[in-house]
Amino acid sequence: MINEFVKNFKMCASSTSPKISYEEFKEAYEKGEAILVDVREDYERDVVSVNFAKHIPMSELYEGHGNLDKDKMIVAMCSHKNRADIAAMFLNSNGYNAKVLNETFAGFVDKIVEDDNPIKCA
């Protein structure tokens, strides 16, 4: 299974995933049209996390993506967008509508903190 996962990543390596802004994500999330997926590893999430994000570490994405709703936009995030981009490419190659936040994780958290009307947790 891991070999298939690596093979899919290599096929996607030359492209990038569609991006989405904080504002676009917020609107889609609040309408119930999007899911935020945190692909950071457990030790990273232990430091700081977004309480409404579904956590599927990158190392578990190949086996764990089947739990995601293909009818919703999947928005991947990680610390610096590299893993999120790979995760979104993998998800898109498996029939999902996946995007990556324009902001890094820290930038996304800053937007939430600065927002006069922050994202409402579902």
C-alpha atoms as a PDB file:
ATOM      1  CA  MET A   1       0.000   0.000   0.000  1.00  0.00           C
ATOM      2  CA  ILE A   2       2.765   2.448   0.839  1.00  0.00           C
ATOM      3  CA  ASN A   3       4.373   1.839  -2.559  1.00  0.00           C
ATOM      4  CA  GLU A   4       1.090   2.782  -4.276  1.00  0.00           C
ATOM      5  CA  PHE A   5       0.919   5.917  -2.126  1.00  0.00           C
ATOM      6  CA  VAL A   6       4.463   6.948  -3.089  1.00  0.00           C
ATOM      7  CA  LYS A   7       3.717   6.170  -6.746  1.00  0.00           C
ATOM      8  CA  ASN A   8       0.670   8.483  -6.663  1.00  0.00           C
ATOM      9  CA  PHE A   9       2.735  11.249  -5.048  1.00  0.00           C
ATOM     10  CA  LYS A  10       5.448  10.949  -7.689  1.00  0.00           C
ATOM     11  CA  MET A  11       2.842  11.199 -10.461  1.00  0.00           C
ATOM     12  CA  CYS A  12       1.549  14.432  -8.936  1.00  0.00           C
ATOM     13  CA  ALA A  13       4.924  15.954  -8.053  1.00  0.00           C
ATOM     14  CA  SER A  14       5.173  18.191 -11.101  1.00  0.00           C
ATOM     15  CA  SER A  15       1.885  20.015 -10.504  1.00  0.00           C
ATOM     16  CA  THR A  16       0.382  22.098  -7.747  1.00  0.00           C
ATOM     17  CA  SER A  17      -3.034  21.975  -6.183  1.00  0.00           C
ATOM     18  CA  PRO A  18      -5.737  24.634  -6.442  1.00  0.00           C
ATOM     19  CA  LYS A  19      -5.501  27.238  -3.700  1.00  0.00           C
ATOM     20  CA  ILE A  20      -8.198  28.801  -1.536  1.00  0.00           C
ATOM     21  CA  SER A  21      -8.116  31.952   0.597  1.00  0.00           C
ATOM     22  CA  TYR A  22      -9.130  32.164   4.235  1.00  0.00           C
ATOM     23  CA  GLU A  23     -12.239  34.120   3.248  1.00  0.00           C
ATOM     24  CA  GLU A  24     -13.299  31.591   0.601  1.00  0.00           C
ATOM     25  CA  PHE A  25     -12.701  28.707   2.996  1.00  0.00           C
ATOM     26  CA  LYS A  26     -14.607  30.418   5.787  1.00  0.00           C
ATOM     27  CA  GLU A  27     -17.645  30.949   3.569  1.00  0.00           C
ATOM     28  CA  ALA A  28     -17.641  27.351   2.279  1.00  0.00           C
ATOM     29  CA  TYR A  29     -17.028  25.897   5.762  1.00  0.00           C
ATOM     30  CA  GLU A  30     -19.850  27.870   7.361  1.00  0.00           C
ATOM     31  CA  LYS A  31     -22.213  26.670   4.610  1.00  0.00           C
ATOM     32  CA  GLY A  32     -21.193  23.080   5.370  1.00  0.00           C
ATOM     33  CA  GLU A  33     -19.534  22.728   1.955  1.00  0.00           C
ATOM     34  CA  ALA A  34     -15.914  22.285   3.085  1.00  0.00           C
ATOM     35  CA  ILE A  35     -13.834  20.264   5.524  1.00  0.00           C
ATOM     36  CA  LEU A  36     -10.462  21.401   6.848  1.00  0.00           C
ATOM     37  CA  VAL A  37      -7.952  18.536   7.029  1.00  0.00           C
ATOM     38  CA  ASP A  38      -4.816  18.998   9.115  1.00  0.00           C
ATOM     39  CA  VAL A  39      -2.122  16.717   7.661  1.00  0.00           C
ATOM     40  CA  ARG A  40       0.513  17.597  10.246  1.00  0.00           C
ATOM     41  CA  GLU A  41       1.867  14.817  12.446  1.00  0.00           C
ATOM     42  CA  ASP A  42       0.638  14.251  16.000  1.00  0.00           C
ATOM     43  CA  TYR A  43       3.651  15.916  17.633  1.00  0.00           C
ATOM     44  CA  GLU A  44       2.993  19.109  15.629  1.00  0.00           C
ATOM     45  CA  ARG A  45      -0.701  19.115  16.439  1.00  0.00           C
ATOM     46  CA  ASP A  46       0.094  18.627  20.136  1.00  0.00           C
ATOM     47  CA  VAL A  47       1.703  22.098  20.134  1.00  0.00           C
ATOM     48  CA  VAL A  48      -1.221  23.952  18.519  1.00  0.00           C
ATOM     49  CA  SER A  49      -4.312  22.847  16.638  1.00  0.00           C
ATOM     50  CA  VAL A  50      -7.494  24.151  15.045  1.00  0.00           C
ATOM     51  CA  ASN A  51     -10.398  22.577  16.904  1.00  0.00           C
ATOM     52  CA  PHE A  52     -12.650  22.209  13.847  1.00  0.00           C
ATOM     53  CA  ALA A  53     -10.031  20.554  11.618  1.00  0.00           C
ATOM     54  CA  LYS A  54     -10.154  16.833  10.903  1.00  0.00           C
ATOM     55  CA  HIS A  55      -6.744  15.400  11.715  1.00  0.00           C
ATOM     56  CA  ILE A  56      -5.304  12.867   9.271  1.00  0.00           C
ATOM     57  CA  PRO A  57      -1.509  12.874   9.526  1.00  0.00           C
ATOM     58  CA  MET A  58       0.264  12.733   6.190  1.00  0.00           C
ATOM     59  CA  SER A  59       1.713   9.371   7.180  1.00  0.00           C
ATOM     60  CA  GLU A  60      -1.842   7.988   7.482  1.00  0.00           C
ATOM     61  CA  LEU A  61      -3.502   9.726   4.527  1.00  0.00           C
ATOM     62  CA  TYR A  62      -3.304   6.809   2.105  1.00  0.00           C
ATOM     63  CA  GLU A  63      -5.278   4.568   4.447  1.00  0.00           C
ATOM     64  CA  GLY A  64      -7.367   7.305   6.098  1.00  0.00           C
ATOM     65  CA  HIS A  65      -8.722   9.268   3.133  1.00  0.00           C
ATOM     66  CA  GLY A  66     -11.686   6.924   2.713  1.00  0.00           C
ATOM     67  CA  ASN A  67     -13.285   8.545   5.760  1.00  0.00           C
ATOM     68  CA  LEU A  68     -13.582  11.884   3.945  1.00  0.00           C
ATOM     69  CA  ASP A  69     -16.785  13.053   2.259  1.00  0.00           C
ATOM     70  CA  LYS A  70     -16.311  13.277  -1.532  1.00  0.00           C
ATOM     71  CA  ASP A  71     -19.325  15.601  -1.736  1.00  0.00           C
ATOM     72  CA  LYS A  72     -17.473  18.325   0.176  1.00  0.00           C
ATOM     73  CA  MET A  73     -14.454  20.417  -0.699  1.00  0.00           C
ATOM     74  CA  ILE A  74     -11.432  19.152   1.209  1.00  0.00           C
ATOM     75  CA  VAL A  75      -9.033  21.899   2.261  1.00  0.00           C
ATOM     76  CA  ALA A  76      -5.633  20.619   3.346  1.00  0.00           C
ATOM     77  CA  MET A  77      -3.331  22.455   5.699  1.00  0.00           C
ATOM     78  CA  CYS A  78       0.073  21.925   7.280  1.00  0.00           C
ATOM     79  CA  SER A  79       2.823  24.106   8.691  1.00  0.00           C
ATOM     80  CA  HIS A  80       4.316  25.376   5.426  1.00  0.00           C
ATOM     81  CA  LYS A  81       1.886  24.146   2.714  1.00  0.00           C
ATOM     82  CA  ASN A  82       4.273  21.550   1.221  1.00  0.00           C
ATOM     83  CA  ARG A  83       2.581  18.494   2.695  1.00  0.00           C
ATOM     84  CA  ALA A  84      -0.835  20.066   2.198  1.00  0.00           C
ATOM     85  CA  ASP A  85      -0.080  20.490  -1.500  1.00  0.00           C
ATOM     86  CA  ILE A  86       0.988  16.853  -1.816  1.00  0.00           C
ATOM     87  CA  ALA A  87      -2.057  15.719   0.169  1.00  0.00           C
ATOM     88  CA  ALA A  88      -4.421  17.739  -2.034  1.00  0.00           C
ATOM     89  CA  MET A  89      -2.825  16.370  -5.198  1.00  0.00           C
ATOM     90  CA  PHE A  90      -3.217  12.831  -3.861  1.00  0.00           C
ATOM     91  CA  LEU A  91      -6.849  13.461  -2.862  1.00  0.00           C
ATOM     92  CA  ASN A  92      -7.649  15.052  -6.239  1.00  0.00           C
ATOM     93  CA  SER A  93      -6.175  12.005  -7.992  1.00  0.00           C
ATOM     94  CA  ASN A  94      -8.587   9.882  -5.946  1.00  0.00           C
ATOM     95  CA  GLY A  95     -11.760  11.752  -6.889  1.00  0.00           C
ATOM     96  CA  TYR A  96     -11.920  14.451  -4.218  1.00  0.00           C
ATOM     97  CA  ASN A  97     -12.250  18.202  -4.718  1.00  0.00           C
ATOM     98  CA  ALA A  98      -9.194  19.195  -2.688  1.00  0.00           C
ATOM     99  CA  LYS A  99      -7.535  22.569  -2.282  1.00  0.00           C
ATOM    100  CA  VAL A 100      -4.758  24.104  -0.211  1.00  0.00           C
ATOM    101  CA  LEU A 101      -5.035  27.195   1.952  1.00  0.00           C
ATOM    102  CA  ASN A 102      -3.196  30.225   0.563  1.00  0.00           C
ATOM    103  CA  GLU A 103      -1.918  30.867   4.071  1.00  0.00           C
ATOM    104  CA  THR A 104       0.556  28.804   6.058  1.00  0.00           C
ATOM    105  CA  PHE A 105      -0.776  27.278   9.272  1.00  0.00           C
ATOM    106  CA  ALA A 106       0.478  30.251  11.297  1.00  0.00           C
ATOM    107  CA  GLY A 107      -1.035  32.686   8.786  1.00  0.00           C
ATOM    108  CA  PHE A 108      -4.368  30.851   8.942  1.00  0.00           C
ATOM    109  CA  VAL A 109      -4.407  31.001  12.754  1.00  0.00           C
ATOM    110  CA  ASP A 110      -3.518  34.724  12.578  1.00  0.00           C
ATOM    111  CA  LYS A 111      -6.492  35.305  10.231  1.00  0.00           C
ATOM    112  CA  ILE A 112      -8.822  33.550  12.699  1.00  0.00           C
ATOM    113  CA  VAL A 113      -7.494  35.661  15.582  1.00  0.00           C
ATOM    114  CA  GLU A 114      -7.699  38.931  13.598  1.00  0.00           C
ATOM    115  CA  ASP A 115     -11.152  38.232  12.149  1.00  0.00           C
ATOM    116  CA  ASP A 116     -13.928  40.347  13.726  1.00  0.00           C
ATOM    117  CA  ASN A 117     -16.328  37.545  12.825  1.00  0.00           C
ATOM    118  CA  PRO A 118     -14.190  34.386  13.101  1.00  0.00           C
ATOM    119  CA  ILE A 119     -15.117  30.998  11.716  1.00  0.00           C
ATOM    120  CA  LYS A 120     -17.947  29.456  13.658  1.00  0.00           C
ATOM    121  CA  CYS A 121     -17.166  25.911  14.717  1.00  0.00           C
ATOM    122  CA  ALA A 122     -19.693  23.383  13.462  1.00  0.00           C
END
